[in-house]
Amino acid sequence: MLNQKEIGFRIKQRREELGLTLEDIASYVKVARSTIQRYETGSISRPKLPVLYSISQALQVSPDWLLGITDDPAPVMALGAEKTAAGE
């Protein structure tokens, strides 16, 4: 698992790749802009998993990638989502 600064780097890098602002992510996650900024700078000493999960959804990446558990940023599809995506 990555440390807070490395997680923050991934958040900021992906947010910028998508052309999103701190406000965009904060609005999606329903937290203050300054909270997202603190996650990006690694200044939150105890990141909350529900917030990290919501951030990963906003950034369209896997929570495991955000935490450094995997190098694959692709989000994991929900059970049965493959059929829905395929139009079955």
C-alpha atoms as a PDB file:
ATOM      1  CA  MET A   1       0.000   0.000   0.000  1.00  0.00           C
ATOM      2  CA  LEU A   2       1.210   3.484  -0.829  1.00  0.00           C
ATOM      3  CA  ASN A   3       1.782   6.225   1.725  1.00  0.00           C
ATOM      4  CA  GLN A   4      -0.453   9.316   1.856  1.00  0.00           C
ATOM      5  CA  LYS A   5       1.776  11.415  -0.414  1.00  0.00           C
ATOM      6  CA  GLU A   6       1.906   8.703  -3.090  1.00  0.00           C
ATOM      7  CA  ILE A   7      -1.882   8.255  -2.944  1.00  0.00           C
ATOM      8  CA  GLY A   8      -2.244  12.019  -3.213  1.00  0.00           C
ATOM      9  CA  PHE A   9       0.033  12.074  -6.244  1.00  0.00           C
ATOM     10  CA  ARG A  10      -2.164   9.472  -7.959  1.00  0.00           C
ATOM     11  CA  ILE A  11      -5.308  11.439  -7.136  1.00  0.00           C
ATOM     12  CA  LYS A  12      -3.900  14.681  -8.511  1.00  0.00           C
ATOM     13  CA  GLN A  13      -2.357  13.040 -11.587  1.00  0.00           C
ATOM     14  CA  ARG A  14      -5.614  11.305 -12.546  1.00  0.00           C
ATOM     15  CA  ARG A  15      -7.733  14.388 -11.798  1.00  0.00           C
ATOM     16  CA  GLU A  16      -5.553  16.459 -14.117  1.00  0.00           C
ATOM     17  CA  GLU A  17      -5.640  13.725 -16.811  1.00  0.00           C
ATOM     18  CA  LEU A  18      -9.434  13.962 -16.762  1.00  0.00           C
ATOM     19  CA  GLY A  19      -9.383  17.773 -16.772  1.00  0.00           C
ATOM     20  CA  LEU A  20     -11.276  17.941 -13.481  1.00  0.00           C
ATOM     21  CA  THR A  21     -10.951  20.577 -10.791  1.00  0.00           C
ATOM     22  CA  LEU A  22     -10.713  20.122  -7.044  1.00  0.00           C
ATOM     23  CA  GLU A  23     -14.265  21.464  -6.912  1.00  0.00           C
ATOM     24  CA  ASP A  24     -15.467  18.793  -9.368  1.00  0.00           C
ATOM     25  CA  ILE A  25     -14.118  15.995  -7.207  1.00  0.00           C
ATOM     26  CA  ALA A  26     -15.264  17.607  -3.964  1.00  0.00           C
ATOM     27  CA  SER A  27     -18.773  18.004  -5.329  1.00  0.00           C
ATOM     28  CA  TYR A  28     -18.924  14.351  -6.392  1.00  0.00           C
ATOM     29  CA  VAL A  29     -17.540  13.111  -3.067  1.00  0.00           C
ATOM     30  CA  LYS A  30     -19.626  15.623  -1.070  1.00  0.00           C
ATOM     31  CA  VAL A  31     -16.700  17.042   0.887  1.00  0.00           C
ATOM     32  CA  ALA A  32     -15.036  20.445   0.958  1.00  0.00           C
ATOM     33  CA  ARG A  33     -12.576  21.441  -1.779  1.00  0.00           C
ATOM     34  CA  SER A  34      -9.914  21.794   0.914  1.00  0.00           C
ATOM     35  CA  THR A  35     -10.443  18.149   1.907  1.00  0.00           C
ATOM     36  CA  ILE A  36      -9.610  16.944  -1.611  1.00  0.00           C
ATOM     37  CA  GLN A  37      -6.624  19.289  -1.642  1.00  0.00           C
ATOM     38  CA  ARG A  38      -5.409  17.791   1.642  1.00  0.00           C
ATOM     39  CA  TYR A  39      -5.770  14.284   0.210  1.00  0.00           C
ATOM     40  CA  GLU A  40      -3.723  15.356  -2.825  1.00  0.00           C
ATOM     41  CA  THR A  41      -0.934  16.832  -0.711  1.00  0.00           C
ATOM     42  CA  GLY A  42      -0.893  13.841   1.633  1.00  0.00           C
ATOM     43  CA  SER A  43      -1.614  15.980   4.661  1.00  0.00           C
ATOM     44  CA  ILE A  44      -4.490  13.801   5.911  1.00  0.00           C
ATOM     45  CA  SER A  45      -2.839  11.472   8.385  1.00  0.00           C
ATOM     46  CA  ARG A  46      -5.664   8.912   8.485  1.00  0.00           C
ATOM     47  CA  PRO A  47      -7.418   8.772   5.109  1.00  0.00           C
ATOM     48  CA  LYS A  48     -10.979   7.455   5.317  1.00  0.00           C
ATOM     49  CA  LEU A  49     -11.709   4.462   3.111  1.00  0.00           C
ATOM     50  CA  PRO A  50     -15.244   5.611   2.155  1.00  0.00           C
ATOM     51  CA  VAL A  51     -13.796   8.940   0.970  1.00  0.00           C
ATOM     52  CA  LEU A  52     -11.009   7.213  -0.957  1.00  0.00           C
ATOM     53  CA  TYR A  53     -13.598   4.912  -2.531  1.00  0.00           C
ATOM     54  CA  SER A  54     -15.719   7.888  -3.622  1.00  0.00           C
ATOM     55  CA  ILE A  55     -12.636   9.652  -4.977  1.00  0.00           C
ATOM     56  CA  SER A  56     -11.765   6.539  -6.996  1.00  0.00           C
ATOM     57  CA  GLN A  57     -15.277   6.502  -8.455  1.00  0.00           C
ATOM     58  CA  ALA A  58     -15.039  10.187  -9.372  1.00  0.00           C
ATOM     59  CA  LEU A  59     -11.684   9.506 -11.049  1.00  0.00           C
ATOM     60  CA  GLN A  60     -12.966   6.338 -12.765  1.00  0.00           C
ATOM     61  CA  VAL A  61     -10.202   4.183 -11.324  1.00  0.00           C
ATOM     62  CA  SER A  62      -9.993   1.142  -9.087  1.00  0.00           C
ATOM     63  CA  PRO A  63      -9.719   1.867  -5.361  1.00  0.00           C
ATOM     64  CA  ASP A  64      -6.960  -0.759  -5.320  1.00  0.00           C
ATOM     65  CA  TRP A  65      -4.976   1.277  -7.873  1.00  0.00           C
ATOM     66  CA  LEU A  66      -5.461   4.428  -5.836  1.00  0.00           C
ATOM     67  CA  LEU A  67      -4.048   2.651  -2.769  1.00  0.00           C
ATOM     68  CA  GLY A  68      -1.190   1.058  -4.726  1.00  0.00           C
ATOM     69  CA  ILE A  69      -2.451  -2.502  -4.283  1.00  0.00           C
ATOM     70  CA  THR A  70      -2.478  -2.960  -8.060  1.00  0.00           C
ATOM     71  CA  ASP A  71      -0.894  -1.171 -10.988  1.00  0.00           C
ATOM     72  CA  ASP A  72      -4.067  -1.567 -13.084  1.00  0.00           C
ATOM     73  CA  PRO A  73      -6.148   1.613 -12.815  1.00  0.00           C
ATOM     74  CA  ALA A  74      -9.205   0.042 -14.498  1.00  0.00           C
ATOM     75  CA  PRO A  75     -12.206   0.027 -12.180  1.00  0.00           C
ATOM     76  CA  VAL A  76     -13.590  -3.384 -11.292  1.00  0.00           C
ATOM     77  CA  MET A  77     -17.013  -3.986 -12.811  1.00  0.00           C
ATOM     78  CA  ALA A  78     -19.823  -4.909 -10.449  1.00  0.00           C
ATOM     79  CA  LEU A  79     -21.135  -8.462 -10.558  1.00  0.00           C
ATOM     80  CA  GLY A  80     -23.423  -8.780 -13.559  1.00  0.00           C
ATOM     81  CA  ALA A  81     -22.261  -5.493 -15.067  1.00  0.00           C
ATOM     82  CA  GLU A  82     -20.624  -7.317 -17.973  1.00  0.00           C
ATOM     83  CA  LYS A  83     -24.039  -8.488 -19.182  1.00  0.00           C
ATOM     84  CA  THR A  84     -25.539  -5.038 -18.778  1.00  0.00           C
ATOM     85  CA  ALA A  85     -22.632  -3.427 -20.616  1.00  0.00           C
ATOM     86  CA  ALA A  86     -22.981  -5.976 -23.421  1.00  0.00           C
ATOM     87  CA  GLY A  87     -26.707  -5.271 -23.699  1.00  0.00           C
ATOM     88  CA  GLU A  88     -27.824  -8.692 -22.541  1.00  0.00           C
END
